[in-house]
Each structure stands twice: as C-alpha cells, then as structure tokens.
Amino acid sequence: MAITFQYNKTALQELQQKLRARQSALPILKSKEAALRAAVKEARLEAQSLKAELQQHLEGQEEMGRLWAGFDFSLVQVREVKAAKRKVAGVPTTWVEEVHFEPPVYSPFHSPGWFPEGVLLLQEWSRLEIAHRAALLRAEQLEHARKKATQKVNLYEKVQIPGYEEAIQKIERYLEDEENLAKAAQKIVKKCQNQQKL
C-alpha cells in the first residue's frame, strides 16, 4: 500500500500519530485473534460432541427401527427456541438456552404404550440437533470474525506499519537534508559577505 504524504513537519506528525495508533492496536488485535481462534476450536468441539451424542442415541435405537416406522412424527413439533446472544471476544454469537415443544396430541387408548417415551426421545434428539446447529453457526460466526481479525493483523503488521515507518524515514531525511542545505547556504552567504567586507 502506497502511503501518500507531503514532505513537511505536519505530515510527519500525522504519520507518527497514525503509526503509534497502529503499533498500540496491534497487540490487542493479536490477542483478539488468539481468543477467537480458541473460541472457534471450542465451538467446533462442542458441535462434534453434540453430534456424537446424537449419533450414539440413534445407534441405540437401531433395533427399534420397525417400531419407529409406525410412529407419528408430527407429534413432536418445536414451538419455540429460546436463543441468547453472547459476546465472545467482542463478537455476538448465538447460544441455545431452551427448546420448547408443542404438547403432543394423541389418544393414549388408540396409540401404542411406548408413544410417550418415543415423544420424549424425539424431543431430546431434536434438542441435541438444534444445539448442534447452533454450535456450528457459532463456529461460523467466530471463524468469520477471526479471519477479519487476521486480515487486520496482517494489514497492520506487514503493510501499514512498515509503510508508515518508511514514509516517516523519508520525510525525516528530506527535512534533515533541507536543513543541512539551508545551513550550508547561510555559511556561503556569510562567507561571501565577509569577503566583500575585506
């Protein structure tokens, strides 16, 4: 990134101020990136754990496959998912707090005796699946924020800070050269005046 600047003291002060701001922000950005990286890992592990738990529940029901074929799956309907927004390293993320289901409507006299337990099992599996999806969504949100933080760290570290340092160095050299030339010109003028007096 080419930094545009003028060769004067005002531009030098502005660039020095911008450089100080970026140098002080860089450690904060790095720590935010590290926190986001850890949070992404944690969210992914949670999603894997929930998926494994759900898979374990489902594998335990394989021998019940024929019974499930006669089950009315419309008995289990999600009424409301209470989600909360929490900030992780300054990034708003979604967390599932509670899942409420519609009360199942069926006749206990005309339905098999295992339907109440089947409803409870399906509700638990639904809770696990919803929590799993929320963890995946949280991991995506955090990963997106981590990528943006990484880009900003790289921008500051590899482009802007070196660019400002180089621009400051050029201005300082130019001003130093200008000052040296002015002093040399004064000496020459003074020497010429002294020779004319003699």
C-alpha atoms as a PDB file:
ATOM      1  CA  MET A   1       0.000   0.000   0.000  1.00  0.00           C
ATOM      2  CA  ALA A   2       1.497   3.272  -1.090  1.00  0.00           C
ATOM      3  CA  ILE A   3       1.138   5.925   1.568  1.00  0.00           C
ATOM      4  CA  THR A   4       0.683   9.423   0.192  1.00  0.00           C
ATOM      5  CA  PHE A   5       2.354  12.172   2.153  1.00  0.00           C
ATOM      6  CA  GLN A   6       3.964  15.585   1.857  1.00  0.00           C
ATOM      7  CA  TYR A   7       7.487  16.456   2.849  1.00  0.00           C
ATOM      8  CA  ASN A   8       6.760  18.731   5.815  1.00  0.00           C
ATOM      9  CA  LYS A   9       6.624  18.602   9.599  1.00  0.00           C
ATOM     10  CA  THR A  10       2.808  18.498   9.733  1.00  0.00           C
ATOM     11  CA  ALA A  11       2.699  15.381   7.561  1.00  0.00           C
ATOM     12  CA  LEU A  12       5.494  13.886   9.669  1.00  0.00           C
ATOM     13  CA  GLN A  13       3.496  14.407  12.874  1.00  0.00           C
ATOM     14  CA  GLU A  14       0.339  12.932  11.318  1.00  0.00           C
ATOM     15  CA  LEU A  15       2.205   9.839  10.139  1.00  0.00           C
ATOM     16  CA  GLN A  16       3.888   9.406  13.520  1.00  0.00           C
ATOM     17  CA  GLN A  17       0.475   9.616  15.216  1.00  0.00           C
ATOM     18  CA  LYS A  18      -1.021   7.022  12.846  1.00  0.00           C
ATOM     19  CA  LEU A  19       1.992   4.750  13.358  1.00  0.00           C
ATOM     20  CA  ARG A  20       1.682   4.956  17.168  1.00  0.00           C
ATOM     21  CA  ALA A  21      -2.043   4.157  16.951  1.00  0.00           C
ATOM     22  CA  ARG A  22      -1.402   1.054  14.850  1.00  0.00           C
ATOM     23  CA  GLN A  23       1.511  -0.100  16.978  1.00  0.00           C
ATOM     24  CA  SER A  24      -0.603   0.172  20.132  1.00  0.00           C
ATOM     25  CA  ALA A  25      -3.594  -1.563  18.480  1.00  0.00           C
ATOM     26  CA  LEU A  26      -1.561  -4.469  17.076  1.00  0.00           C
ATOM     27  CA  PRO A  27      -1.121  -6.411  20.377  1.00  0.00           C
ATOM     28  CA  ILE A  28      -4.842  -6.024  21.112  1.00  0.00           C
ATOM     29  CA  LEU A  29      -5.730  -7.342  17.668  1.00  0.00           C
ATOM     30  CA  LYS A  30      -3.334 -10.261  18.087  1.00  0.00           C
ATOM     31  CA  SER A  31      -4.859 -11.224  21.423  1.00  0.00           C
ATOM     32  CA  LYS A  32      -8.365 -10.917  19.947  1.00  0.00           C
ATOM     33  CA  GLU A  33      -7.338 -13.168  17.070  1.00  0.00           C
ATOM     34  CA  ALA A  34      -5.939 -15.744  19.502  1.00  0.00           C
ATOM     35  CA  ALA A  35      -9.109 -15.617  21.619  1.00  0.00           C
ATOM     36  CA  LEU A  36     -11.262 -16.064  18.515  1.00  0.00           C
ATOM     37  CA  ARG A  37      -9.125 -18.974  17.344  1.00  0.00           C
ATOM     38  CA  ALA A  38      -9.634 -20.692  20.717  1.00  0.00           C
ATOM     39  CA  ALA A  39     -13.374 -19.925  20.675  1.00  0.00           C
ATOM     40  CA  VAL A  40     -13.732 -21.386  17.154  1.00  0.00           C
ATOM     41  CA  LYS A  41     -11.971 -24.544  18.285  1.00  0.00           C
ATOM     42  CA  GLU A  42     -14.199 -24.782  21.356  1.00  0.00           C
ATOM     43  CA  ALA A  43     -17.397 -24.285  19.311  1.00  0.00           C
ATOM     44  CA  ARG A  44     -16.322 -26.945  16.808  1.00  0.00           C
ATOM     45  CA  LEU A  45     -15.513 -29.386  19.602  1.00  0.00           C
ATOM     46  CA  GLU A  46     -18.905 -28.709  21.169  1.00  0.00           C
ATOM     47  CA  ALA A  47     -20.614 -29.323  17.804  1.00  0.00           C
ATOM     48  CA  GLN A  48     -18.698 -32.595  17.372  1.00  0.00           C
ATOM     49  CA  SER A  49     -19.581 -33.658  20.899  1.00  0.00           C
ATOM     50  CA  LEU A  50     -23.289 -32.956  20.348  1.00  0.00           C
ATOM     51  CA  LYS A  51     -23.235 -34.770  17.004  1.00  0.00           C
ATOM     52  CA  ALA A  52     -21.518 -37.778  18.588  1.00  0.00           C
ATOM     53  CA  GLU A  53     -24.049 -37.806  21.440  1.00  0.00           C
ATOM     54  CA  LEU A  54     -26.938 -37.682  18.964  1.00  0.00           C
ATOM     55  CA  GLN A  55     -25.345 -40.438  16.881  1.00  0.00           C
ATOM     56  CA  GLN A  56     -24.949 -42.580  19.989  1.00  0.00           C
ATOM     57  CA  HIS A  57     -28.633 -42.112  20.836  1.00  0.00           C
ATOM     58  CA  LEU A  58     -29.669 -43.029  17.312  1.00  0.00           C
ATOM     59  CA  GLU A  59     -27.430 -46.099  17.176  1.00  0.00           C
ATOM     60  CA  GLY A  60     -29.071 -47.331  20.370  1.00  0.00           C
ATOM     61  CA  GLN A  61     -32.425 -47.285  18.569  1.00  0.00           C
ATOM     62  CA  GLU A  62     -31.497 -49.381  15.517  1.00  0.00           C
ATOM     63  CA  GLU A  63     -33.265 -52.488  16.830  1.00  0.00           C
ATOM     64  CA  MET A  64     -36.396 -50.366  17.295  1.00  0.00           C
ATOM     65  CA  GLY A  65     -36.488 -49.441  13.589  1.00  0.00           C
ATOM     66  CA  ARG A  66     -39.743 -51.265  12.823  1.00  0.00           C
ATOM     67  CA  LEU A  67     -41.487 -49.626  15.761  1.00  0.00           C
ATOM     68  CA  TRP A  68     -40.379 -46.168  14.618  1.00  0.00           C
ATOM     69  CA  ALA A  69     -41.883 -46.877  11.188  1.00  0.00           C
ATOM     70  CA  GLY A  70     -45.331 -46.729  12.826  1.00  0.00           C
ATOM     71  CA  PHE A  71     -44.629 -43.609  14.875  1.00  0.00           C
ATOM     72  CA  ASP A  72     -46.406 -40.346  14.051  1.00  0.00           C
ATOM     73  CA  PHE A  73     -43.501 -37.889  13.833  1.00  0.00           C
ATOM     74  CA  SER A  74     -45.879 -34.924  13.617  1.00  0.00           C
ATOM     75  CA  LEU A  75     -46.438 -35.367  17.362  1.00  0.00           C
ATOM     76  CA  VAL A  76     -43.101 -33.656  18.023  1.00  0.00           C
ATOM     77  CA  GLN A  77     -43.138 -30.033  16.898  1.00  0.00           C
ATOM     78  CA  VAL A  78     -40.861 -27.264  18.069  1.00  0.00           C
ATOM     79  CA  ARG A  79     -42.858 -24.336  19.391  1.00  0.00           C
ATOM     80  CA  GLU A  80     -40.017 -22.027  20.390  1.00  0.00           C
ATOM     81  CA  VAL A  81     -36.253 -21.990  20.582  1.00  0.00           C
ATOM     82  CA  LYS A  82     -35.006 -19.536  23.184  1.00  0.00           C
ATOM     83  CA  ALA A  83     -31.658 -18.301  21.997  1.00  0.00           C
ATOM     84  CA  ALA A  84     -29.384 -15.795  23.627  1.00  0.00           C
ATOM     85  CA  LYS A  85     -26.793 -13.523  22.116  1.00  0.00           C
ATOM     86  CA  ARG A  86     -23.492 -13.588  23.937  1.00  0.00           C
ATOM     87  CA  LYS A  87     -20.301 -11.851  23.009  1.00  0.00           C
ATOM     88  CA  VAL A  88     -17.186 -13.939  22.615  1.00  0.00           C
ATOM     89  CA  ALA A  89     -14.082 -11.771  22.161  1.00  0.00           C
ATOM     90  CA  GLY A  90     -16.362  -8.925  21.127  1.00  0.00           C
ATOM     91  CA  VAL A  91     -18.274 -10.981  18.546  1.00  0.00           C
ATOM     92  CA  PRO A  92     -22.014 -11.522  19.074  1.00  0.00           C
ATOM     93  CA  THR A  93     -22.816 -15.239  18.878  1.00  0.00           C
ATOM     94  CA  THR A  94     -25.949 -17.362  19.226  1.00  0.00           C
ATOM     95  CA  TRP A  95     -26.452 -19.777  22.114  1.00  0.00           C
ATOM     96  CA  VAL A  96     -29.468 -22.052  22.588  1.00  0.00           C
ATOM     97  CA  GLU A  97     -30.859 -21.787  26.089  1.00  0.00           C
ATOM     98  CA  GLU A  98     -34.149 -23.689  25.885  1.00  0.00           C
ATOM     99  CA  VAL A  99     -36.232 -25.565  23.338  1.00  0.00           C
ATOM    100  CA  HIS A 100     -39.987 -25.703  23.898  1.00  0.00           C
ATOM    101  CA  PHE A 101     -42.193 -28.214  22.107  1.00  0.00           C
ATOM    102  CA  GLU A 102     -45.877 -28.204  21.324  1.00  0.00           C
ATOM    103  CA  PRO A 103     -47.691 -30.595  23.678  1.00  0.00           C
ATOM    104  CA  PRO A 104     -48.265 -33.823  21.731  1.00  0.00           C
ATOM    105  CA  VAL A 105     -51.897 -34.537  20.900  1.00  0.00           C
ATOM    106  CA  TYR A 106     -52.677 -38.238  20.677  1.00  0.00           C
ATOM    107  CA  SER A 107     -55.004 -40.708  22.240  1.00  0.00           C
ATOM    108  CA  PRO A 108     -53.313 -42.932  24.813  1.00  0.00           C
ATOM    109  CA  PHE A 109     -56.048 -45.524  24.216  1.00  0.00           C
ATOM    110  CA  HIS A 110     -55.530 -45.766  20.448  1.00  0.00           C
ATOM    111  CA  SER A 111     -51.715 -45.415  20.399  1.00  0.00           C
ATOM    112  CA  PRO A 112     -49.051 -47.910  21.420  1.00  0.00           C
ATOM    113  CA  GLY A 113     -47.885 -47.688  25.024  1.00  0.00           C
ATOM    114  CA  TRP A 114     -44.369 -46.634  24.041  1.00  0.00           C
ATOM    115  CA  PHE A 115     -45.525 -43.399  22.283  1.00  0.00           C
ATOM    116  CA  PRO A 116     -44.970 -41.163  25.371  1.00  0.00           C
ATOM    117  CA  GLU A 117     -41.401 -42.450  25.656  1.00  0.00           C
ATOM    118  CA  GLY A 118     -40.968 -42.070  21.884  1.00  0.00           C
ATOM    119  CA  VAL A 119     -42.106 -38.450  22.104  1.00  0.00           C
ATOM    120  CA  LEU A 120     -39.585 -37.787  24.883  1.00  0.00           C
ATOM    121  CA  LEU A 121     -36.799 -39.448  22.867  1.00  0.00           C
ATOM    122  CA  LEU A 122     -37.601 -37.413  19.767  1.00  0.00           C
ATOM    123  CA  GLN A 123     -37.706 -34.225  21.800  1.00  0.00           C
ATOM    124  CA  GLU A 124     -34.282 -34.982  23.263  1.00  0.00           C
ATOM    125  CA  TRP A 125     -32.865 -35.762  19.806  1.00  0.00           C
ATOM    126  CA  SER A 126     -34.361 -32.540  18.477  1.00  0.00           C
ATOM    127  CA  ARG A 127     -32.760 -30.574  21.334  1.00  0.00           C
ATOM    128  CA  LEU A 128     -29.394 -32.142  20.529  1.00  0.00           C
ATOM    129  CA  GLU A 129     -29.748 -31.382  16.812  1.00  0.00           C
ATOM    130  CA  ILE A 130     -30.763 -27.767  17.462  1.00  0.00           C
ATOM    131  CA  ALA A 131     -27.858 -27.300  19.883  1.00  0.00           C
ATOM    132  CA  HIS A 132     -25.524 -28.896  17.312  1.00  0.00           C
ATOM    133  CA  ARG A 133     -26.670 -26.494  14.581  1.00  0.00           C
ATOM    134  CA  ALA A 134     -26.323 -23.533  16.945  1.00  0.00           C
ATOM    135  CA  ALA A 135     -22.753 -24.599  17.771  1.00  0.00           C
ATOM    136  CA  LEU A 136     -21.958 -24.869  14.053  1.00  0.00           C
ATOM    137  CA  LEU A 137     -23.457 -21.415  13.453  1.00  0.00           C
ATOM    138  CA  ARG A 138     -21.434 -20.025  16.356  1.00  0.00           C
ATOM    139  CA  ALA A 139     -18.270 -21.596  14.927  1.00  0.00           C
ATOM    140  CA  GLU A 140     -19.017 -19.963  11.548  1.00  0.00           C
ATOM    141  CA  GLN A 141     -19.627 -16.559  13.129  1.00  0.00           C
ATOM    142  CA  LEU A 142     -16.428 -16.777  15.153  1.00  0.00           C
ATOM    143  CA  GLU A 143     -14.406 -18.079  12.184  1.00  0.00           C
ATOM    144  CA  HIS A 144     -15.594 -15.161  10.051  1.00  0.00           C
ATOM    145  CA  ALA A 145     -14.583 -12.691  12.774  1.00  0.00           C
ATOM    146  CA  ARG A 146     -11.238 -14.487  13.225  1.00  0.00           C
ATOM    147  CA  LYS A 147     -10.488 -14.194   9.512  1.00  0.00           C
ATOM    148  CA  LYS A 148     -11.256 -10.471   9.614  1.00  0.00           C
ATOM    149  CA  ALA A 149      -9.027 -10.042  12.679  1.00  0.00           C
ATOM    150  CA  THR A 150      -6.228 -11.991  10.969  1.00  0.00           C
ATOM    151  CA  GLN A 151      -6.543  -9.788   7.885  1.00  0.00           C
ATOM    152  CA  LYS A 152      -6.336  -6.673  10.025  1.00  0.00           C
ATOM    153  CA  VAL A 153      -3.309  -8.002  11.929  1.00  0.00           C
ATOM    154  CA  ASN A 154      -1.580  -8.796   8.635  1.00  0.00           C
ATOM    155  CA  LEU A 155      -2.537  -5.390   7.205  1.00  0.00           C
ATOM    156  CA  TYR A 156      -1.073  -3.581  10.207  1.00  0.00           C
ATOM    157  CA  GLU A 157       1.941  -5.835  10.660  1.00  0.00           C
ATOM    158  CA  LYS A 158       3.018  -6.362   7.068  1.00  0.00           C
ATOM    159  CA  VAL A 159       1.725  -3.323   5.192  1.00  0.00           C
ATOM    160  CA  GLN A 160       0.757  -0.245   7.165  1.00  0.00           C
ATOM    161  CA  ILE A 161       3.337  -0.169   9.973  1.00  0.00           C
ATOM    162  CA  PRO A 162       6.289  -0.749   7.599  1.00  0.00           C
ATOM    163  CA  GLY A 163       4.763   1.754   5.143  1.00  0.00           C
ATOM    164  CA  TYR A 164       4.397   4.448   7.786  1.00  0.00           C
ATOM    165  CA  GLU A 165       7.915   3.777   9.109  1.00  0.00           C
ATOM    166  CA  GLU A 166       9.332   4.110   5.608  1.00  0.00           C
ATOM    167  CA  ALA A 167       7.366   7.318   4.915  1.00  0.00           C
ATOM    168  CA  ILE A 168       8.483   8.812   8.242  1.00  0.00           C
ATOM    169  CA  GLN A 169      12.083   7.939   7.458  1.00  0.00           C
ATOM    170  CA  LYS A 170      11.833   9.594   4.010  1.00  0.00           C
ATOM    171  CA  ILE A 171      10.315  12.776   5.465  1.00  0.00           C
ATOM    172  CA  GLU A 172      12.930  12.939   8.233  1.00  0.00           C
ATOM    173  CA  ARG A 173      15.756  12.527   5.712  1.00  0.00           C
ATOM    174  CA  TYR A 174      14.247  15.153   3.426  1.00  0.00           C
ATOM    175  CA  LEU A 175      13.818  17.637   6.284  1.00  0.00           C
ATOM    176  CA  GLU A 176      17.347  16.907   7.505  1.00  0.00           C
ATOM    177  CA  ASP A 177      18.759  17.441   4.002  1.00  0.00           C
ATOM    178  CA  GLU A 178      16.770  20.660   3.644  1.00  0.00           C
ATOM    179  CA  GLU A 179      18.102  21.900   6.983  1.00  0.00           C
ATOM    180  CA  ASN A 180      21.692  21.000   6.013  1.00  0.00           C
ATOM    181  CA  LEU A 181      21.281  22.804   2.682  1.00  0.00           C
ATOM    182  CA  ALA A 182      19.890  25.869   4.445  1.00  0.00           C
ATOM    183  CA  LYS A 183      22.845  25.895   6.874  1.00  0.00           C
ATOM    184  CA  ALA A 184      25.298  25.448   4.026  1.00  0.00           C
ATOM    185  CA  ALA A 185      23.655  28.294   2.111  1.00  0.00           C
ATOM    186  CA  GLN A 186      23.864  30.515   5.204  1.00  0.00           C
ATOM    187  CA  LYS A 187      27.557  29.721   5.589  1.00  0.00           C
ATOM    188  CA  ILE A 188      28.192  30.522   1.933  1.00  0.00           C
ATOM    189  CA  VAL A 189      26.265  33.810   2.185  1.00  0.00           C
ATOM    190  CA  LYS A 190      28.130  34.716   5.390  1.00  0.00           C
ATOM    191  CA  LYS A 191      31.482  33.827   3.810  1.00  0.00           C
ATOM    192  CA  CYS A 192      30.666  35.939   0.730  1.00  0.00           C
ATOM    193  CA  GLN A 193      29.648  38.875   2.962  1.00  0.00           C
ATOM    194  CA  ASN A 194      32.868  38.585   4.955  1.00  0.00           C
ATOM    195  CA  GLN A 195      34.952  38.556   1.752  1.00  0.00           C
ATOM    196  CA  GLN A 196      33.137  41.621   0.425  1.00  0.00           C
ATOM    197  CA  LYS A 197      33.855  43.493   3.658  1.00  0.00           C
ATOM    198  CA  LEU A 198      37.578  42.829   3.278  1.00  0.00           C
END
